[in-house]
Every structure is written in structure tokens, then in C-alpha cells.
């Protein structure tokens, strides 16, 4: 079974370079606050609550939503990218420390709003 970090990484591989770059800037600046971090759901506030991101694994797919304009239109926006990068880093740290990774499955779709 593929982990959420891998699903998030796969989605990151599909986004435009500008989105990936902005997401990385947000994540590295500490703008991502993981409110909930579980094996099937991650909720984050990004950029001092400017956006709320919800990543979920349901029915074997990664689903997402974000409260920003791009996210409401269905895009995997920079806020989603920043959250996904935070999930990957946190999961990598847990794996390195011997804690098992978060599990999920393989596909990705946007959460219907």
C-alpha cells in the first residue's frame, strides 16, 4: 500500500514549476502549520491562515481542497504543494527515526466542494 507521502509526491510531480517553487518557499519559510496529521487525513493552515488545505485519502485516492481562489477552482495550488512537501518531510523524518510511514493508496483527485 502506497503512503500519503508518496501520493503527495506523485501529485507534486504533476504541478507547474512555478507552483512547486512557491510551495517550497512557503514550506521552507515555516508558513505551513499542520493542524491534523494522520494516516488518511492532513489539515494545514498555510501563510498565517490565509489558506486552509485538506488532503485526504479516500477510496484509494488522494483528494484535496484549499480555500484559496486557485484551490476552490480545483487546482493543486501552492498551498497544497507546501502542505504536501511538509507531509513528505515529516514522514521522511518519522521513517528515519524508525516510525512507520503513513499509508494510503495510488491515485489523486480533488475533493468535491
C-alpha atoms as a PDB file:
ATOM      1  CA  UNK A   1       0.000   0.000   0.000  1.00  0.00           C
ATOM      2  CA  UNK A   2       1.409   3.401  -1.011  1.00  0.00           C
ATOM      3  CA  UNK A   3       1.777   6.052   1.700  1.00  0.00           C
ATOM      4  CA  UNK A   4       0.282   9.524   1.728  1.00  0.00           C
ATOM      5  CA  UNK A   5       3.767  10.990   1.328  1.00  0.00           C
ATOM      6  CA  UNK A   6       4.239   9.032  -1.912  1.00  0.00           C
ATOM      7  CA  UNK A   7       0.813  10.097  -3.199  1.00  0.00           C
ATOM      8  CA  UNK A   8       1.602  13.711  -2.341  1.00  0.00           C
ATOM      9  CA  UNK A   9       4.951  13.364  -4.094  1.00  0.00           C
ATOM     10  CA  UNK A  10       3.267  11.995  -7.198  1.00  0.00           C
ATOM     11  CA  UNK A  11       0.913  14.976  -7.252  1.00  0.00           C
ATOM     12  CA  UNK A  12       3.841  17.371  -6.762  1.00  0.00           C
ATOM     13  CA  UNK A  13       5.473  15.823  -9.843  1.00  0.00           C
ATOM     14  CA  UNK A  14       2.446  16.898 -11.920  1.00  0.00           C
ATOM     15  CA  UNK A  15       2.256  20.580 -10.929  1.00  0.00           C
ATOM     16  CA  UNK A  16       3.784  23.513 -12.778  1.00  0.00           C
ATOM     17  CA  UNK A  17       7.278  24.552 -11.731  1.00  0.00           C
ATOM     18  CA  UNK A  18       6.006  27.947 -10.504  1.00  0.00           C
ATOM     19  CA  UNK A  19       3.523  26.232  -8.156  1.00  0.00           C
ATOM     20  CA  UNK A  20       6.216  23.868  -6.910  1.00  0.00           C
ATOM     21  CA  UNK A  21       8.654  26.743  -6.321  1.00  0.00           C
ATOM     22  CA  UNK A  22       6.084  28.834  -4.431  1.00  0.00           C
ATOM     23  CA  UNK A  23       5.022  25.806  -2.389  1.00  0.00           C
ATOM     24  CA  UNK A  24       8.646  25.146  -1.466  1.00  0.00           C
ATOM     25  CA  UNK A  25       9.106  28.802  -0.447  1.00  0.00           C
ATOM     26  CA  UNK A  26       6.038  28.618   1.788  1.00  0.00           C
ATOM     27  CA  UNK A  27       7.084  25.323   3.345  1.00  0.00           C
ATOM     28  CA  UNK A  28      10.686  26.369   3.966  1.00  0.00           C
ATOM     29  CA  UNK A  29       9.650  29.706   5.479  1.00  0.00           C
ATOM     30  CA  UNK A  30       7.583  27.897   8.117  1.00  0.00           C
ATOM     31  CA  UNK A  31       4.264  29.092   6.702  1.00  0.00           C
ATOM     32  CA  UNK A  32       2.711  25.611   6.924  1.00  0.00           C
ATOM     33  CA  UNK A  33       1.118  24.673  10.233  1.00  0.00           C
ATOM     34  CA  UNK A  34      -0.067  21.071  10.282  1.00  0.00           C
ATOM     35  CA  UNK A  35      -3.303  21.200  12.278  1.00  0.00           C
ATOM     36  CA  UNK A  36      -4.056  17.496  11.865  1.00  0.00           C
ATOM     37  CA  UNK A  37      -1.618  14.841  10.691  1.00  0.00           C
ATOM     38  CA  UNK A  38      -2.973  11.328  10.362  1.00  0.00           C
ATOM     39  CA  UNK A  39      -2.576   8.344   8.070  1.00  0.00           C
ATOM     40  CA  UNK A  40      -5.616   9.246   5.970  1.00  0.00           C
ATOM     41  CA  UNK A  41      -6.068  12.987   6.502  1.00  0.00           C
ATOM     42  CA  UNK A  42      -3.881  16.069   6.822  1.00  0.00           C
ATOM     43  CA  UNK A  43      -5.267  19.520   7.524  1.00  0.00           C
ATOM     44  CA  UNK A  44      -2.982  22.546   7.387  1.00  0.00           C
ATOM     45  CA  UNK A  45      -3.184  26.293   7.725  1.00  0.00           C
ATOM     46  CA  UNK A  46      -0.810  27.995   5.329  1.00  0.00           C
ATOM     47  CA  UNK A  47       0.590  31.510   5.417  1.00  0.00           C
ATOM     48  CA  UNK A  48      -0.962  32.655   8.714  1.00  0.00           C
ATOM     49  CA  UNK A  49      -4.352  31.091   7.927  1.00  0.00           C
ATOM     50  CA  UNK A  50      -4.536  32.727   4.501  1.00  0.00           C
ATOM     51  CA  UNK A  51      -5.454  29.270   3.207  1.00  0.00           C
ATOM     52  CA  UNK A  52      -6.708  26.038   4.718  1.00  0.00           C
ATOM     53  CA  UNK A  53      -5.628  22.826   2.977  1.00  0.00           C
ATOM     54  CA  UNK A  54      -7.251  19.425   3.431  1.00  0.00           C
ATOM     55  CA  UNK A  55      -5.509  16.342   1.987  1.00  0.00           C
ATOM     56  CA  UNK A  56      -7.383  13.060   2.331  1.00  0.00           C
ATOM     57  CA  UNK A  57      -7.002   9.501   1.213  1.00  0.00           C
ATOM     58  CA  UNK A  58     -10.421   8.046   0.452  1.00  0.00           C
ATOM     59  CA  UNK A  59     -11.406   5.114  -1.709  1.00  0.00           C
ATOM     60  CA  UNK A  60      -7.759   4.589  -2.611  1.00  0.00           C
ATOM     61  CA  UNK A  61      -7.095   8.060  -3.997  1.00  0.00           C
ATOM     62  CA  UNK A  62      -5.580  11.324  -2.795  1.00  0.00           C
ATOM     63  CA  UNK A  63      -8.196  14.076  -2.628  1.00  0.00           C
ATOM     64  CA  UNK A  64      -7.530  17.711  -1.832  1.00  0.00           C
ATOM     65  CA  UNK A  65      -9.132  21.064  -1.252  1.00  0.00           C
ATOM     66  CA  UNK A  66      -7.833  24.548  -0.483  1.00  0.00           C
ATOM     67  CA  UNK A  67      -9.684  27.707   0.447  1.00  0.00           C
ATOM     68  CA  UNK A  68      -7.637  29.960  -1.877  1.00  0.00           C
ATOM     69  CA  UNK A  69      -9.052  31.035  -5.246  1.00  0.00           C
ATOM     70  CA  UNK A  70      -6.994  28.537  -7.256  1.00  0.00           C
ATOM     71  CA  UNK A  71      -7.828  25.748  -4.835  1.00  0.00           C
ATOM     72  CA  UNK A  72     -11.543  26.499  -4.965  1.00  0.00           C
ATOM     73  CA  UNK A  73     -11.249  26.188  -8.757  1.00  0.00           C
ATOM     74  CA  UNK A  74      -9.806  22.687  -8.361  1.00  0.00           C
ATOM     75  CA  UNK A  75      -6.091  23.332  -8.760  1.00  0.00           C
ATOM     76  CA  UNK A  76      -3.393  21.663  -6.691  1.00  0.00           C
ATOM     77  CA  UNK A  77      -2.241  25.145  -5.683  1.00  0.00           C
ATOM     78  CA  UNK A  78       0.947  26.372  -3.999  1.00  0.00           C
ATOM     79  CA  UNK A  79      -0.725  25.911  -0.594  1.00  0.00           C
ATOM     80  CA  UNK A  80      -1.451  22.260  -1.413  1.00  0.00           C
ATOM     81  CA  UNK A  81       2.113  21.887  -2.696  1.00  0.00           C
ATOM     82  CA  UNK A  82       3.539  23.395   0.500  1.00  0.00           C
ATOM     83  CA  UNK A  83       1.389  21.075   2.614  1.00  0.00           C
ATOM     84  CA  UNK A  84       2.380  18.055   0.526  1.00  0.00           C
ATOM     85  CA  UNK A  85       6.047  18.971   0.938  1.00  0.00           C
ATOM     86  CA  UNK A  86       5.569  19.260   4.707  1.00  0.00           C
ATOM     87  CA  UNK A  87       3.893  15.837   4.767  1.00  0.00           C
ATOM     88  CA  UNK A  88       6.762  14.288   2.815  1.00  0.00           C
ATOM     89  CA  UNK A  89       9.406  15.845   5.071  1.00  0.00           C
ATOM     90  CA  UNK A  90       7.583  14.864   8.268  1.00  0.00           C
ATOM     91  CA  UNK A  91       7.034  11.320   7.000  1.00  0.00           C
ATOM     92  CA  UNK A  92      10.691  11.042   5.965  1.00  0.00           C
ATOM     93  CA  UNK A  93      11.766  12.166   9.445  1.00  0.00           C
ATOM     94  CA  UNK A  94       9.447   9.586  11.043  1.00  0.00           C
ATOM     95  CA  UNK A  95      10.738   6.853   8.734  1.00  0.00           C
ATOM     96  CA  UNK A  96      14.333   7.835   9.513  1.00  0.00           C
ATOM     97  CA  UNK A  97      13.596   7.648  13.236  1.00  0.00           C
ATOM     98  CA  UNK A  98      12.080   4.180  12.837  1.00  0.00           C
ATOM     99  CA  UNK A  99       8.387   5.137  12.983  1.00  0.00           C
ATOM    100  CA  UNK A 100       6.338   3.514  10.220  1.00  0.00           C
ATOM    101  CA  UNK A 101       5.087   5.756   7.432  1.00  0.00           C
ATOM    102  CA  UNK A 102       1.522   6.846   6.852  1.00  0.00           C
ATOM    103  CA  UNK A 103      -0.353   4.521   4.484  1.00  0.00           C
ATOM    104  CA  UNK A 104      -2.709   5.253   1.640  1.00  0.00           C
ATOM    105  CA  UNK A 105      -3.022   4.162  -1.987  1.00  0.00           C
ATOM    106  CA  UNK A 106      -2.278   5.334  -5.526  1.00  0.00           C
ATOM    107  CA  UNK A 107      -4.410   7.876  -7.414  1.00  0.00           C
ATOM    108  CA  UNK A 108      -5.192  11.556  -6.904  1.00  0.00           C
ATOM    109  CA  UNK A 109      -8.323  13.677  -7.383  1.00  0.00           C
ATOM    110  CA  UNK A 110      -9.650  16.937  -5.995  1.00  0.00           C
ATOM    111  CA  UNK A 111     -12.162  16.852  -3.123  1.00  0.00           C
ATOM    112  CA  UNK A 112     -15.557  17.928  -4.397  1.00  0.00           C
ATOM    113  CA  UNK A 113     -16.685  21.166  -2.775  1.00  0.00           C
END
